[in-house]
């Protein structure tokens, strides 16, 4: 489990990105790079990290299922994810 401070920091970054999204798009359309550089660093969507919804793990993240590979495997083997079965051939 990730530290709560990391999770809260990531949420704060996501909120900042959402707050400045319209302004960033407008400045990019105008090609006003000086104005873009004056925005906070955390206003850039690149700074938000994809994390597992259950454990907060950042490595091995599966976008389609919004969780890490370890959590995905556990949930799939327990039958918690509809349509996902263990492969056998």
PDB file of N, CA and C in Angstrom:
ATOM      1  N   UNK A   1       0.840  -1.184   0.000  1.00  0.00           N
ATOM      2  CA  UNK A   1       0.000   0.000   0.000  1.00  0.00           C
ATOM      3  C   UNK A   1       0.886   1.248   0.000  1.00  0.00           C
ATOM      4  N   UNK A   2       0.556   2.167  -0.870  1.00  0.00           N
ATOM      5  CA  UNK A   2       1.308   3.409  -0.943  1.00  0.00           C
ATOM      6  C   UNK A   2       0.999   4.287   0.271  1.00  0.00           C
ATOM      7  N   UNK A   3       1.957   5.138   0.618  1.00  0.00           N
ATOM      8  CA  UNK A   3       1.741   6.048   1.733  1.00  0.00           C
ATOM      9  C   UNK A   3       0.589   6.994   1.405  1.00  0.00           C
ATOM     10  N   UNK A   4      -0.164   7.357   2.411  1.00  0.00           N
ATOM     11  CA  UNK A   4      -1.310   8.237   2.189  1.00  0.00           C
ATOM     12  C   UNK A   4      -0.878   9.598   1.665  1.00  0.00           C
ATOM     13  N   UNK A   5       0.317  10.035   2.060  1.00  0.00           N
ATOM     14  CA  UNK A   5       0.794  11.337   1.590  1.00  0.00           C
ATOM     15  C   UNK A   5       0.993  11.335   0.073  1.00  0.00           C
ATOM     16  N   UNK A   6       1.479  10.199  -0.481  1.00  0.00           N
ATOM     17  CA  UNK A   6       1.654  10.094  -1.934  1.00  0.00           C
ATOM     18  C   UNK A   6       0.306  10.146  -2.636  1.00  0.00           C
ATOM     19  N   UNK A   7      -0.678   9.440  -2.080  1.00  0.00           N
ATOM     20  CA  UNK A   7      -2.004   9.412  -2.698  1.00  0.00           C
ATOM     21  C   UNK A   7      -2.647  10.800  -2.665  1.00  0.00           C
ATOM     22  N   UNK A   8      -2.519  11.476  -1.527  1.00  0.00           N
ATOM     23  CA  UNK A   8      -3.091  12.819  -1.401  1.00  0.00           C
ATOM     24  C   UNK A   8      -2.395  13.809  -2.331  1.00  0.00           C
ATOM     25  N   UNK A   9      -1.083  13.685  -2.466  1.00  0.00           N
ATOM     26  CA  UNK A   9      -0.333  14.566  -3.354  1.00  0.00           C
ATOM     27  C   UNK A   9      -0.791  14.372  -4.796  1.00  0.00           C
ATOM     28  N   UNK A  10      -1.031  13.125  -5.174  1.00  0.00           N
ATOM     29  CA  UNK A  10      -1.474  12.839  -6.536  1.00  0.00           C
ATOM     30  C   UNK A  10      -2.882  13.402  -6.780  1.00  0.00           C
ATOM     31  N   UNK A  11      -3.753  13.301  -5.766  1.00  0.00           N
ATOM     32  CA  UNK A  11      -5.109  13.867  -5.891  1.00  0.00           C
ATOM     33  C   UNK A  11      -5.038  15.384  -6.054  1.00  0.00           C
ATOM     34  N   UNK A  12      -4.145  16.000  -5.301  1.00  0.00           N
ATOM     35  CA  UNK A  12      -3.980  17.449  -5.376  1.00  0.00           C
ATOM     36  C   UNK A  12      -3.499  17.864  -6.767  1.00  0.00           C
ATOM     37  N   UNK A  13      -2.578  17.085  -7.339  1.00  0.00           N
ATOM     38  CA  UNK A  13      -2.099  17.360  -8.694  1.00  0.00           C
ATOM     39  C   UNK A  13      -3.238  17.232  -9.696  1.00  0.00           C
ATOM     40  N   UNK A  14      -4.056  16.192  -9.549  1.00  0.00           N
ATOM     41  CA  UNK A  14      -5.178  15.980 -10.470  1.00  0.00           C
ATOM     42  C   UNK A  14      -6.169  17.133 -10.400  1.00  0.00           C
ATOM     43  N   UNK A  15      -6.414  17.648  -9.186  1.00  0.00           N
ATOM     44  CA  UNK A  15      -7.318  18.793  -9.030  1.00  0.00           C
ATOM     45  C   UNK A  15      -6.748  20.036  -9.701  1.00  0.00           C
ATOM     46  N   UNK A  16      -5.440  20.240  -9.578  1.00  0.00           N
ATOM     47  CA  UNK A  16      -4.785  21.396 -10.197  1.00  0.00           C
ATOM     48  C   UNK A  16      -4.865  21.298 -11.717  1.00  0.00           C
ATOM     49  N   UNK A  17      -4.664  20.099 -12.241  1.00  0.00           N
ATOM     50  CA  UNK A  17      -4.756  19.894 -13.698  1.00  0.00           C
ATOM     51  C   UNK A  17      -6.159  20.241 -14.184  1.00  0.00           C
ATOM     52  N   UNK A  18      -7.164  19.779 -13.443  1.00  0.00           N
ATOM     53  CA  UNK A  18      -8.559  20.041 -13.824  1.00  0.00           C
ATOM     54  C   UNK A  18      -8.868  21.537 -13.775  1.00  0.00           C
ATOM     55  N   UNK A  19      -8.326  22.215 -12.764  1.00  0.00           N
ATOM     56  CA  UNK A  19      -8.572  23.649 -12.576  1.00  0.00           C
ATOM     57  C   UNK A  19      -8.024  24.481 -13.738  1.00  0.00           C
ATOM     58  N   UNK A  20      -6.820  24.131 -14.214  1.00  0.00           N
ATOM     59  CA  UNK A  20      -6.152  24.923 -15.240  1.00  0.00           C
ATOM     60  C   UNK A  20      -6.313  24.358 -16.649  1.00  0.00           C
ATOM     61  N   UNK A  21      -7.115  23.327 -16.851  1.00  0.00           N
ATOM     62  CA  UNK A  21      -7.224  22.664 -18.155  1.00  0.00           C
ATOM     63  C   UNK A  21      -7.679  23.628 -19.253  1.00  0.00           C
ATOM     64  N   UNK A  22      -8.725  24.397 -18.997  1.00  0.00           N
ATOM     65  CA  UNK A  22      -9.257  25.310 -20.011  1.00  0.00           C
ATOM     66  C   UNK A  22      -8.238  26.403 -20.339  1.00  0.00           C
ATOM     67  N   UNK A  23      -7.615  26.958 -19.318  1.00  0.00           N
ATOM     68  CA  UNK A  23      -6.623  28.014 -19.526  1.00  0.00           C
ATOM     69  C   UNK A  23      -5.417  27.489 -20.294  1.00  0.00           C
ATOM     70  N   UNK A  24      -4.964  26.276 -19.964  1.00  0.00           N
ATOM     71  CA  UNK A  24      -3.835  25.667 -20.680  1.00  0.00           C
ATOM     72  C   UNK A  24      -4.167  25.471 -22.157  1.00  0.00           C
ATOM     73  N   UNK A  25      -5.385  24.986 -22.427  1.00  0.00           N
ATOM     74  CA  UNK A  25      -5.799  24.761 -23.817  1.00  0.00           C
ATOM     75  C   UNK A  25      -5.830  26.079 -24.592  1.00  0.00           C
ATOM     76  N   UNK A  26      -6.325  27.122 -23.937  1.00  0.00           N
ATOM     77  CA  UNK A  26      -6.401  28.435 -24.579  1.00  0.00           C
ATOM     78  C   UNK A  26      -4.995  28.987 -24.877  1.00  0.00           C
ATOM     79  N   UNK A  27      -4.095  28.875 -23.911  1.00  0.00           N
ATOM     80  CA  UNK A  27      -2.729  29.365 -24.104  1.00  0.00           C
ATOM     81  C   UNK A  27      -1.990  28.563 -25.169  1.00  0.00           C
ATOM     82  N   UNK A  28      -2.245  27.261 -25.215  1.00  0.00           N
ATOM     83  CA  UNK A  28      -1.608  26.429 -26.238  1.00  0.00           C
ATOM     84  C   UNK A  28      -2.107  26.800 -27.629  1.00  0.00           C
ATOM     85  N   UNK A  29      -3.418  27.079 -27.736  1.00  0.00           N
ATOM     86  CA  UNK A  29      -3.979  27.458 -29.030  1.00  0.00           C
ATOM     87  C   UNK A  29      -3.376  28.771 -29.526  1.00  0.00           C
ATOM     88  N   UNK A  30      -3.119  29.695 -28.596  1.00  0.00           N
ATOM     89  CA  UNK A  30      -2.508  30.980 -28.948  1.00  0.00           C
ATOM     90  C   UNK A  30      -1.008  30.862 -29.131  1.00  0.00           C
ATOM     91  N   UNK A  31      -0.441  29.722 -28.764  1.00  0.00           N
ATOM     92  CA  UNK A  31       1.003  29.482 -28.780  1.00  0.00           C
ATOM     93  C   UNK A  31       1.744  30.489 -27.896  1.00  0.00           C
ATOM     94  N   UNK A  32       1.114  30.770 -26.751  1.00  0.00           N
ATOM     95  CA  UNK A  32       1.692  31.684 -25.761  1.00  0.00           C
ATOM     96  C   UNK A  32       2.473  30.871 -24.732  1.00  0.00           C
ATOM     97  N   UNK A  33       3.716  30.564 -25.073  1.00  0.00           N
ATOM     98  CA  UNK A  33       4.521  29.704 -24.215  1.00  0.00           C
ATOM     99  C   UNK A  33       5.022  30.427 -22.966  1.00  0.00           C
ATOM    100  N   UNK A  34       5.111  31.734 -23.043  1.00  0.00           N
ATOM    101  CA  UNK A  34       5.494  32.513 -21.859  1.00  0.00           C
ATOM    102  C   UNK A  34       4.381  32.426 -20.812  1.00  0.00           C
ATOM    103  N   UNK A  35       3.153  32.496 -21.268  1.00  0.00           N
ATOM    104  CA  UNK A  35       2.008  32.378 -20.358  1.00  0.00           C
ATOM    105  C   UNK A  35       1.907  30.983 -19.768  1.00  0.00           C
ATOM    106  N   UNK A  36       2.217  29.987 -20.586  1.00  0.00           N
ATOM    107  CA  UNK A  36       2.190  28.601 -20.094  1.00  0.00           C
ATOM    108  C   UNK A  36       3.230  28.378 -19.007  1.00  0.00           C
ATOM    109  N   UNK A  37       4.380  28.998 -19.169  1.00  0.00           N
ATOM    110  CA  UNK A  37       5.457  28.799 -18.197  1.00  0.00           C
ATOM    111  C   UNK A  37       5.143  29.467 -16.858  1.00  0.00           C
ATOM    112  N   UNK A  38       4.212  30.413 -16.846  1.00  0.00           N
ATOM    113  CA  UNK A  38       3.835  31.084 -15.602  1.00  0.00           C
ATOM    114  C   UNK A  38       2.816  30.291 -14.789  1.00  0.00           C
ATOM    115  N   UNK A  39       2.207  29.280 -15.417  1.00  0.00           N
ATOM    116  CA  UNK A  39       1.261  28.426 -14.680  1.00  0.00           C
ATOM    117  C   UNK A  39       2.031  27.544 -13.700  1.00  0.00           C
ATOM    118  N   UNK A  40       1.348  27.036 -12.683  1.00  0.00           N
ATOM    119  CA  UNK A  40       2.036  26.134 -11.743  1.00  0.00           C
ATOM    120  C   UNK A  40       2.533  24.875 -12.443  1.00  0.00           C
ATOM    121  N   UNK A  41       3.623  24.301 -11.936  1.00  0.00           N
ATOM    122  CA  UNK A  41       4.169  23.084 -12.538  1.00  0.00           C
ATOM    123  C   UNK A  41       3.161  21.947 -12.515  1.00  0.00           C
ATOM    124  N   UNK A  42       2.405  21.861 -11.430  1.00  0.00           N
ATOM    125  CA  UNK A  42       1.460  20.758 -11.291  1.00  0.00           C
ATOM    126  C   UNK A  42       0.206  20.936 -12.138  1.00  0.00           C
ATOM    127  N   UNK A  43       0.121  21.997 -12.921  1.00  0.00           N
ATOM    128  CA  UNK A  43      -1.014  22.193 -13.820  1.00  0.00           C
ATOM    129  C   UNK A  43      -0.855  21.355 -15.086  1.00  0.00           C
ATOM    130  N   UNK A  44       0.329  20.788 -15.280  1.00  0.00           N
ATOM    131  CA  UNK A  44       0.580  19.959 -16.450  1.00  0.00           C
ATOM    132  C   UNK A  44       0.063  18.541 -16.207  1.00  0.00           C
ATOM    133  N   UNK A  45      -0.712  17.978 -17.138  1.00  0.00           N
ATOM    134  CA  UNK A  45      -1.266  16.633 -16.943  1.00  0.00           C
ATOM    135  C   UNK A  45      -0.195  15.543 -16.868  1.00  0.00           C
ATOM    136  N   UNK A  46       0.996  15.830 -17.346  1.00  0.00           N
ATOM    137  CA  UNK A  46       2.068  14.839 -17.331  1.00  0.00           C
ATOM    138  C   UNK A  46       2.487  14.503 -15.899  1.00  0.00           C
ATOM    139  N   UNK A  47       2.282  15.432 -14.991  1.00  0.00           N
ATOM    140  CA  UNK A  47       2.746  15.248 -13.621  1.00  0.00           C
ATOM    141  C   UNK A  47       1.842  14.356 -12.784  1.00  0.00           C
ATOM    142  N   UNK A  48       0.636  14.063 -13.264  1.00  0.00           N
ATOM    143  CA  UNK A  48      -0.267  13.148 -12.543  1.00  0.00           C
ATOM    144  C   UNK A  48       0.162  11.719 -12.844  1.00  0.00           C
ATOM    145  N   UNK A  49       0.261  10.913 -11.801  1.00  0.00           N
ATOM    146  CA  UNK A  49       0.735   9.541 -11.939  1.00  0.00           C
ATOM    147  C   UNK A  49      -0.442   8.583 -11.869  1.00  0.00           C
ATOM    148  N   UNK A  50      -0.498   7.639 -12.811  1.00  0.00           N
ATOM    149  CA  UNK A  50      -1.530   6.610 -12.751  1.00  0.00           C
ATOM    150  C   UNK A  50      -1.214   5.673 -11.598  1.00  0.00           C
ATOM    151  N   UNK A  51      -2.174   5.485 -10.715  1.00  0.00           N
ATOM    152  CA  UNK A  51      -1.987   4.619  -9.556  1.00  0.00           C
ATOM    153  C   UNK A  51      -3.136   3.639  -9.443  1.00  0.00           C
ATOM    154  N   UNK A  52      -2.840   2.494  -8.844  1.00  0.00           N
ATOM    155  CA  UNK A  52      -3.850   1.462  -8.612  1.00  0.00           C
ATOM    156  C   UNK A  52      -4.931   2.033  -7.693  1.00  0.00           C
ATOM    157  N   UNK A  53      -6.197   1.778  -8.027  1.00  0.00           N
ATOM    158  CA  UNK A  53      -7.301   2.299  -7.239  1.00  0.00           C
ATOM    159  C   UNK A  53      -7.388   1.633  -5.868  1.00  0.00           C
ATOM    160  N   UNK A  54      -6.851   0.437  -5.736  1.00  0.00           N
ATOM    161  CA  UNK A  54      -6.977  -0.309  -4.490  1.00  0.00           C
ATOM    162  C   UNK A  54      -5.752  -0.176  -3.589  1.00  0.00           C
ATOM    163  N   UNK A  55      -4.563  -0.304  -4.165  1.00  0.00           N
ATOM    164  CA  UNK A  55      -3.348  -0.311  -3.361  1.00  0.00           C
ATOM    165  C   UNK A  55      -2.518   0.957  -3.490  1.00  0.00           C
ATOM    166  N   UNK A  56      -2.710   1.734  -4.558  1.00  0.00           N
ATOM    167  CA  UNK A  56      -1.922   2.934  -4.770  1.00  0.00           C
ATOM    168  C   UNK A  56      -0.597   2.661  -5.465  1.00  0.00           C
ATOM    169  N   UNK A  57      -0.369   1.421  -5.871  1.00  0.00           N
ATOM    170  CA  UNK A  57       0.872   1.056  -6.548  1.00  0.00           C
ATOM    171  C   UNK A  57       0.949   1.767  -7.894  1.00  0.00           C
ATOM    172  N   UNK A  58       2.142   2.261  -8.252  1.00  0.00           N
ATOM    173  CA  UNK A  58       2.271   3.004  -9.503  1.00  0.00           C
ATOM    174  C   UNK A  58       2.900   2.196 -10.618  1.00  0.00           C
ATOM    175  N   UNK A  59       3.643   1.163 -10.299  1.00  0.00           N
ATOM    176  CA  UNK A  59       4.268   0.340 -11.331  1.00  0.00           C
ATOM    177  C   UNK A  59       3.353  -0.831 -11.687  1.00  0.00           C
ATOM    178  N   UNK A  60       3.388  -1.253 -12.930  1.00  0.00           N
ATOM    179  CA  UNK A  60       2.562  -2.373 -13.373  1.00  0.00           C
ATOM    180  C   UNK A  60       1.092  -1.998 -13.434  1.00  0.00           C
ATOM    181  N   UNK A  61       0.800  -0.757 -13.792  1.00  0.00           N
ATOM    182  CA  UNK A  61      -0.569  -0.240 -13.823  1.00  0.00           C
ATOM    183  C   UNK A  61      -1.246  -0.614 -15.136  1.00  0.00           C
ATOM    184  N   UNK A  62      -2.463  -1.140 -15.057  1.00  0.00           N
ATOM    185  CA  UNK A  62      -3.249  -1.487 -16.243  1.00  0.00           C
ATOM    186  C   UNK A  62      -4.353  -0.444 -16.413  1.00  0.00           C
ATOM    187  N   UNK A  63      -4.267   0.348 -17.459  1.00  0.00           N
ATOM    188  CA  UNK A  63      -5.221   1.441 -17.655  1.00  0.00           C
ATOM    189  C   UNK A  63      -6.659   0.945 -17.810  1.00  0.00           C
ATOM    190  N   UNK A  64      -6.818  -0.131 -18.530  1.00  0.00           N
ATOM    191  CA  UNK A  64      -8.161  -0.629 -18.823  1.00  0.00           C
ATOM    192  C   UNK A  64      -8.923  -0.997 -17.542  1.00  0.00           C
ATOM    193  N   UNK A  65      -8.203  -1.492 -16.549  1.00  0.00           N
ATOM    194  CA  UNK A  65      -8.844  -1.949 -15.320  1.00  0.00           C
ATOM    195  C   UNK A  65      -8.587  -1.031 -14.131  1.00  0.00           C
ATOM    196  N   UNK A  66      -7.799   0.023 -14.315  1.00  0.00           N
ATOM    197  CA  UNK A  66      -7.520   1.014 -13.278  1.00  0.00           C
ATOM    198  C   UNK A  66      -6.915   0.394 -12.018  1.00  0.00           C
ATOM    199  N   UNK A  67      -6.074  -0.622 -12.209  1.00  0.00           N
ATOM    200  CA  UNK A  67      -5.419  -1.255 -11.062  1.00  0.00           C
ATOM    201  C   UNK A  67      -4.073  -1.829 -11.495  1.00  0.00           C
ATOM    202  N   UNK A  68      -3.293  -2.237 -10.504  1.00  0.00           N
ATOM    203  CA  UNK A  68      -1.978  -2.801 -10.805  1.00  0.00           C
ATOM    204  C   UNK A  68      -2.129  -4.254 -11.245  1.00  0.00           C
ATOM    205  N   UNK A  69      -1.054  -4.805 -11.793  1.00  0.00           N
ATOM    206  CA  UNK A  69      -1.085  -6.177 -12.296  1.00  0.00           C
ATOM    207  C   UNK A  69      -1.336  -7.171 -11.172  1.00  0.00           C
ATOM    208  N   UNK A  70      -0.833  -6.881  -9.974  1.00  0.00           N
ATOM    209  CA  UNK A  70      -1.006  -7.794  -8.847  1.00  0.00           C
ATOM    210  C   UNK A  70      -2.462  -7.820  -8.384  1.00  0.00           C
ATOM    211  N   UNK A  71      -3.050  -6.655  -8.259  1.00  0.00           N
ATOM    212  CA  UNK A  71      -4.448  -6.554  -7.855  1.00  0.00           C
ATOM    213  C   UNK A  71      -5.350  -7.163  -8.925  1.00  0.00           C
ATOM    214  N   UNK A  72      -5.004  -6.904 -10.187  1.00  0.00           N
ATOM    215  CA  UNK A  72      -5.784  -7.454 -11.295  1.00  0.00           C
ATOM    216  C   UNK A  72      -5.788  -8.979 -11.251  1.00  0.00           C
ATOM    217  N   UNK A  73      -4.618  -9.562 -11.027  1.00  0.00           N
ATOM    218  CA  UNK A  73      -4.502 -11.020 -11.002  1.00  0.00           C
ATOM    219  C   UNK A  73      -5.336 -11.613  -9.870  1.00  0.00           C
ATOM    220  N   UNK A  74      -5.258 -11.001  -8.694  1.00  0.00           N
ATOM    221  CA  UNK A  74      -6.040 -11.469  -7.553  1.00  0.00           C
ATOM    222  C   UNK A  74      -7.525 -11.414  -7.853  1.00  0.00           C
ATOM    223  N   UNK A  75      -7.975 -10.266  -8.367  1.00  0.00           N
ATOM    224  CA  UNK A  75      -9.396 -10.073  -8.647  1.00  0.00           C
ATOM    225  C   UNK A  75      -9.876 -11.014  -9.754  1.00  0.00           C
ATOM    226  N   UNK A  76      -9.054 -11.225 -10.774  1.00  0.00           N
ATOM    227  CA  UNK A  76      -9.436 -12.100 -11.883  1.00  0.00           C
ATOM    228  C   UNK A  76      -9.547 -13.554 -11.414  1.00  0.00           C
ATOM    229  N   UNK A  77      -8.604 -13.988 -10.595  1.00  0.00           N
ATOM    230  CA  UNK A  77      -8.646 -15.375 -10.109  1.00  0.00           C
ATOM    231  C   UNK A  77      -9.816 -15.617  -9.168  1.00  0.00           C
ATOM    232  N   UNK A  78     -10.247 -14.577  -8.465  1.00  0.00           N
ATOM    233  CA  UNK A  78     -11.400 -14.703  -7.569  1.00  0.00           C
ATOM    234  C   UNK A  78     -12.721 -14.495  -8.304  1.00  0.00           C
ATOM    235  N   UNK A  79     -12.654 -14.185  -9.597  1.00  0.00           N
ATOM    236  CA  UNK A  79     -13.874 -14.009 -10.392  1.00  0.00           C
ATOM    237  C   UNK A  79     -14.556 -12.674 -10.169  1.00  0.00           C
ATOM    238  N   UNK A  80     -13.835 -11.658  -9.718  1.00  0.00           N
ATOM    239  CA  UNK A  80     -14.435 -10.363  -9.434  1.00  0.00           C
ATOM    240  C   UNK A  80     -14.512  -9.461 -10.663  1.00  0.00           C
ATOM    241  N   UNK A  81     -13.782  -9.829 -11.727  1.00  0.00           N
ATOM    242  CA  UNK A  81     -13.800  -9.027 -12.955  1.00  0.00           C
ATOM    243  C   UNK A  81     -14.565  -9.810 -14.012  1.00  0.00           C
ATOM    244  N   UNK A  82     -15.759  -9.319 -14.410  1.00  0.00           N
ATOM    245  CA  UNK A  82     -16.556 -10.059 -15.373  1.00  0.00           C
ATOM    246  C   UNK A  82     -15.880 -10.167 -16.734  1.00  0.00           C
ATOM    247  N   UNK A  83     -15.965 -11.343 -17.333  1.00  0.00           N
ATOM    248  CA  UNK A  83     -15.419 -11.557 -18.665  1.00  0.00           C
ATOM    249  C   UNK A  83     -13.958 -11.921 -18.685  1.00  0.00           C
ATOM    250  N   UNK A  84     -13.294 -11.957 -17.557  1.00  0.00           N
ATOM    251  CA  UNK A  84     -11.871 -12.287 -17.500  1.00  0.00           C
ATOM    252  C   UNK A  84     -11.722 -13.678 -16.896  1.00  0.00           C
ATOM    253  N   UNK A  85     -11.093 -14.564 -17.651  1.00  0.00           N
ATOM    254  CA  UNK A  85     -10.847 -15.910 -17.150  1.00  0.00           C
ATOM    255  C   UNK A  85      -9.374 -16.245 -17.341  1.00  0.00           C
ATOM    256  N   UNK A  86      -8.914 -17.223 -16.587  1.00  0.00           N
ATOM    257  CA  UNK A  86      -7.538 -17.650 -16.706  1.00  0.00           C
ATOM    258  C   UNK A  86      -7.365 -18.365 -18.050  1.00  0.00           C
ATOM    259  N   UNK A  87      -6.309 -18.029 -18.752  1.00  0.00           N
ATOM    260  CA  UNK A  87      -6.063 -18.641 -20.050  1.00  0.00           C
ATOM    261  C   UNK A  87      -5.579 -20.076 -19.887  1.00  0.00           C
ATOM    262  N   UNK A  88      -6.117 -20.957 -20.713  1.00  0.00           N
ATOM    263  CA  UNK A  88      -5.618 -22.330 -20.742  1.00  0.00           C
ATOM    264  C   UNK A  88      -5.790 -22.858 -22.150  1.00  0.00           C
ATOM    265  N   UNK A  89      -4.771 -23.510 -22.679  1.00  0.00           N
ATOM    266  CA  UNK A  89      -4.842 -24.032 -24.040  1.00  0.00           C
ATOM    267  C   UNK A  89      -4.124 -25.335 -24.151  1.00  0.00           C
TER     268      UNK A  89
END
